[in-house]
């Protein structure tokens, strides 16, 4: 925008083009410093594995379960 000599230039649009994309399973894991987010992702993967093994209704809100005797 500086090269165009505009005094008050504005960005009015942004386009993203994905080329040569590969399957998500083939990429390296991105490093994150957000430990809370990483913990949620690990827990989500574990819940998905349990649901795959025992069915979609195996895990739910704790309030929905009856008291243990």
N, C-alpha and C. Protein backbone atom coordinates (compact mmCIF):
# COMPACT_ATOMS: atom_id res chain seq x y z
N UNK A 1 0.83 -1.18 0.00
CA UNK A 1 0.00 0.00 0.00
C UNK A 1 0.87 1.25 0.00
N UNK A 2 2.03 1.14 0.66
CA UNK A 2 2.94 2.28 0.65
C UNK A 2 3.42 2.60 -0.76
N UNK A 3 3.69 1.56 -1.53
CA UNK A 3 4.19 1.76 -2.89
C UNK A 3 3.14 2.42 -3.78
N UNK A 4 1.87 2.20 -3.50
CA UNK A 4 0.80 2.79 -4.29
C UNK A 4 0.59 4.26 -3.94
N UNK A 5 1.17 4.73 -2.85
CA UNK A 5 1.04 6.12 -2.46
C UNK A 5 -0.30 6.45 -1.82
N UNK A 6 -0.96 5.47 -1.29
CA UNK A 6 -2.25 5.72 -0.65
C UNK A 6 -2.04 6.27 0.75
N UNK A 7 -2.86 7.24 1.10
CA UNK A 7 -2.75 7.81 2.44
C UNK A 7 -3.50 6.98 3.47
N UNK A 8 -4.64 6.47 3.08
CA UNK A 8 -5.46 5.68 4.00
C UNK A 8 -5.89 4.39 3.32
N UNK A 9 -4.95 3.56 3.05
CA UNK A 9 -5.26 2.30 2.39
C UNK A 9 -5.95 1.33 3.33
N UNK A 10 -6.85 0.54 2.79
CA UNK A 10 -7.57 -0.46 3.58
C UNK A 10 -7.48 -1.81 2.90
N UNK A 11 -7.37 -2.82 3.68
CA UNK A 11 -7.42 -4.17 3.17
C UNK A 11 -8.89 -4.56 3.14
N UNK A 12 -9.42 -4.80 1.95
CA UNK A 12 -10.86 -5.08 1.83
C UNK A 12 -11.15 -6.54 1.55
N UNK A 13 -10.14 -7.33 1.31
CA UNK A 13 -10.38 -8.75 1.05
C UNK A 13 -9.12 -9.55 1.21
N UNK A 14 -9.28 -10.81 1.49
CA UNK A 14 -8.17 -11.72 1.67
C UNK A 14 -8.58 -13.07 1.09
N UNK A 15 -7.73 -13.64 0.27
CA UNK A 15 -8.03 -14.93 -0.35
C UNK A 15 -6.96 -15.93 0.03
N UNK A 16 -7.40 -17.13 0.38
CA UNK A 16 -6.50 -18.21 0.74
C UNK A 16 -6.71 -19.34 -0.26
N UNK A 17 -5.62 -19.77 -0.87
CA UNK A 17 -5.69 -20.86 -1.84
C UNK A 17 -4.84 -22.01 -1.32
N UNK A 18 -5.44 -23.19 -1.21
CA UNK A 18 -4.71 -24.37 -0.76
C UNK A 18 -4.28 -25.20 -1.97
N UNK A 19 -2.99 -25.40 -2.09
CA UNK A 19 -2.46 -26.19 -3.20
C UNK A 19 -1.59 -27.31 -2.65
N UNK A 20 -1.57 -28.41 -3.36
CA UNK A 20 -0.75 -29.57 -2.99
C UNK A 20 -1.03 -30.02 -1.55
N UNK A 21 -2.29 -30.09 -1.20
CA UNK A 21 -2.68 -30.50 0.15
C UNK A 21 -2.51 -32.01 0.30
N UNK A 22 -2.19 -32.43 1.51
CA UNK A 22 -2.04 -33.86 1.80
C UNK A 22 -2.99 -34.23 2.93
N UNK A 23 -3.18 -35.51 3.13
CA UNK A 23 -4.06 -36.00 4.18
C UNK A 23 -3.53 -35.59 5.56
N UNK A 24 -4.43 -35.29 6.48
CA UNK A 24 -4.03 -34.82 7.81
C UNK A 24 -3.20 -35.85 8.56
N UNK A 25 -3.38 -37.13 8.27
CA UNK A 25 -2.61 -38.16 8.93
C UNK A 25 -1.15 -38.23 8.50
N UNK A 26 -0.80 -37.53 7.44
CA UNK A 26 0.56 -37.56 6.91
C UNK A 26 1.41 -36.37 7.34
N UNK A 27 0.85 -35.46 8.10
CA UNK A 27 1.61 -34.27 8.49
C UNK A 27 2.20 -34.44 9.88
N UNK A 28 3.24 -33.69 10.17
CA UNK A 28 3.85 -33.71 11.49
C UNK A 28 2.95 -32.98 12.47
N UNK A 29 3.07 -33.33 13.74
CA UNK A 29 2.26 -32.66 14.76
C UNK A 29 2.87 -31.31 15.08
N UNK A 30 2.02 -30.30 15.11
CA UNK A 30 2.49 -28.95 15.40
C UNK A 30 2.76 -28.81 16.89
N UNK A 31 3.86 -28.17 17.23
CA UNK A 31 4.22 -27.94 18.62
C UNK A 31 3.39 -26.78 19.16
N UNK A 32 2.85 -26.95 20.36
CA UNK A 32 2.05 -25.91 20.97
C UNK A 32 2.54 -25.66 22.39
N UNK A 33 2.49 -24.43 22.81
CA UNK A 33 2.87 -24.08 24.18
C UNK A 33 1.65 -23.93 25.08
N UNK A 34 0.47 -24.20 24.54
CA UNK A 34 -0.78 -24.10 25.28
C UNK A 34 -1.09 -25.46 25.89
N UNK A 35 -0.65 -25.68 27.12
CA UNK A 35 -0.81 -27.00 27.75
C UNK A 35 -2.27 -27.36 28.00
N UNK A 36 -3.11 -26.38 28.30
CA UNK A 36 -4.53 -26.66 28.53
C UNK A 36 -5.18 -27.16 27.25
N UNK A 37 -4.87 -26.54 26.13
CA UNK A 37 -5.42 -26.97 24.85
C UNK A 37 -4.93 -28.37 24.49
N UNK A 38 -3.65 -28.62 24.71
CA UNK A 38 -3.09 -29.94 24.42
C UNK A 38 -3.77 -31.02 25.28
N UNK A 39 -4.03 -30.72 26.54
CA UNK A 39 -4.70 -31.67 27.42
C UNK A 39 -6.11 -31.97 26.92
N UNK A 40 -6.82 -30.94 26.46
CA UNK A 40 -8.17 -31.15 25.92
C UNK A 40 -8.12 -32.03 24.67
N UNK A 41 -7.12 -31.81 23.82
CA UNK A 41 -7.00 -32.62 22.60
C UNK A 41 -6.71 -34.08 22.92
N UNK A 42 -5.87 -34.33 23.91
CA UNK A 42 -5.57 -35.70 24.32
C UNK A 42 -6.81 -36.36 24.90
N UNK A 43 -7.54 -35.63 25.75
CA UNK A 43 -8.76 -36.17 26.34
C UNK A 43 -9.81 -36.44 25.26
N UNK A 44 -9.93 -35.56 24.28
CA UNK A 44 -10.89 -35.75 23.19
C UNK A 44 -10.56 -37.01 22.38
N UNK A 45 -9.29 -37.24 22.12
CA UNK A 45 -8.88 -38.43 21.38
C UNK A 45 -9.19 -39.69 22.18
N UNK A 46 -8.98 -39.65 23.51
CA UNK A 46 -9.27 -40.80 24.36
C UNK A 46 -10.78 -41.09 24.38
N UNK A 47 -11.59 -40.06 24.48
CA UNK A 47 -13.04 -40.23 24.47
C UNK A 47 -13.50 -40.81 23.13
N UNK A 48 -12.91 -40.35 22.04
CA UNK A 48 -13.26 -40.89 20.73
C UNK A 48 -12.94 -42.38 20.64
N UNK A 49 -11.79 -42.79 21.18
CA UNK A 49 -11.42 -44.21 21.16
C UNK A 49 -12.38 -45.05 21.98
N UNK A 50 -12.78 -44.54 23.15
CA UNK A 50 -13.74 -45.26 24.00
C UNK A 50 -15.08 -45.38 23.29
N UNK A 51 -15.54 -44.31 22.66
CA UNK A 51 -16.82 -44.36 21.93
C UNK A 51 -16.75 -45.31 20.75
N UNK A 52 -15.60 -45.38 20.08
CA UNK A 52 -15.44 -46.32 18.97
C UNK A 52 -15.53 -47.77 19.47
N UNK A 53 -15.02 -48.02 20.65
CA UNK A 53 -15.01 -49.38 21.19
C UNK A 53 -16.38 -49.80 21.74
N UNK A 54 -17.05 -48.89 22.46
CA UNK A 54 -18.24 -49.26 23.23
C UNK A 54 -19.53 -48.61 22.75
N UNK A 55 -19.48 -47.76 21.75
CA UNK A 55 -20.68 -47.12 21.23
C UNK A 55 -20.77 -45.66 21.63
N UNK A 56 -21.58 -44.91 20.92
CA UNK A 56 -21.64 -43.46 21.13
C UNK A 56 -22.29 -43.02 22.44
N UNK A 57 -23.08 -43.90 23.06
CA UNK A 57 -23.79 -43.52 24.29
C UNK A 57 -23.05 -43.90 25.56
N UNK A 58 -21.83 -44.40 25.46
CA UNK A 58 -21.10 -44.89 26.63
C UNK A 58 -20.62 -43.74 27.53
N UNK A 59 -20.35 -42.60 26.96
CA UNK A 59 -19.86 -41.44 27.72
C UNK A 59 -20.87 -40.32 27.60
N UNK A 60 -21.21 -39.71 28.74
CA UNK A 60 -22.17 -38.62 28.74
C UNK A 60 -21.99 -37.77 29.98
N UNK A 61 -22.88 -36.84 30.19
CA UNK A 61 -22.80 -35.97 31.37
C UNK A 61 -22.94 -36.78 32.67
N UNK A 62 -22.16 -36.43 33.67
CA UNK A 62 -22.20 -37.14 34.95
C UNK A 62 -23.58 -37.02 35.61
N UNK A 63 -24.30 -35.94 35.40
CA UNK A 63 -25.60 -35.75 36.02
C UNK A 63 -26.64 -36.73 35.47
N UNK A 64 -26.37 -37.31 34.32
CA UNK A 64 -27.32 -38.25 33.71
C UNK A 64 -27.23 -39.66 34.29
N UNK A 65 -26.19 -39.94 35.05
CA UNK A 65 -26.01 -41.28 35.61
C UNK A 65 -26.63 -41.35 37.01
N UNK A 66 -27.10 -42.54 37.34
CA UNK A 66 -27.69 -42.73 38.67
C UNK A 66 -26.57 -42.87 39.71
N UNK A 67 -26.89 -42.70 40.96
CA UNK A 67 -25.89 -42.83 42.04
C UNK A 67 -25.43 -44.27 42.16
N UNK A 68 -24.16 -44.43 42.44
CA UNK A 68 -23.62 -45.78 42.67
C UNK A 68 -24.05 -46.26 44.05
N UNK A 69 -24.35 -47.54 44.14
CA UNK A 69 -24.78 -48.10 45.44
C UNK A 69 -23.64 -48.72 46.18
